[in-house]
Amino acid sequence: MTITGRVYVVGDNVDTDQIIPARHLVYNTHSPEERKLFGKYAMSGVPDEESGLPNGGIKFVNEGSYESEFYIVVGGKNFGCGSSREHAPLALQVAGVKAVIAQSYARIFYRNSVDGGFLMPLESVDNIHKSFSTGDHAVIDLGNNSITNSTTGESFNLRSLGDAADIVNAGGIFSYARKIGMIKAVVSANV
């Protein structure tokens, strides 16, 4: 499986309040109209100097849009630190992000990403966020555990997601458990 798209670059210690500021947690995740607001405000708390862009030149989500043109986020160490809110990987998913690559994660962000089936939280072997620029095109090859910066031609190794990839691909831990027969599928009766 491959994931391709434009890259949005951030630095170290991007916390969950930067990924989705607390003031935007008032929206109902079950309402389609309100849910898309999580995408609109995703990454809106990242300071310009953390975005890797001079003067914050490119926004993660353009004004008036609910989705980002960036499908891959590349960060440094300790991505997703801060509070344990599962809204952080949800906001990235709603914005269209398919994968985050960081040198390391806060454990709760990593688990929320996998357990909710929101996105692929991939770890780079080396700190690669300075080898990308926002707007670069990249190809993630999950079979070979690598990412290639198509803009520069450089390739980098990623750590294997192992069984966690199956959970994300199934749509989360409960969907995965149903798929492999650990729990029974929910059958609803139309009454």
Foldseek 3Di string as FASTA:
>chain_A
DKDKAFEFFFEEDAALCQQPNPVLPPFDCPDVVSVLVLQVRGNVNGDLVGRQDVVNPDDQADPPDSAGRGQEYEYEYAPHDDDLDLSRLSSSLSNNHAEYEYQYYDVSNCQSCLQQLRHHYWYFVDGCSVVDHGGFMWMQDLVQQKIARPVVRDMTHIDHPPCSVVSSVLRHDVSSCCVVVVDPDDDDDDD
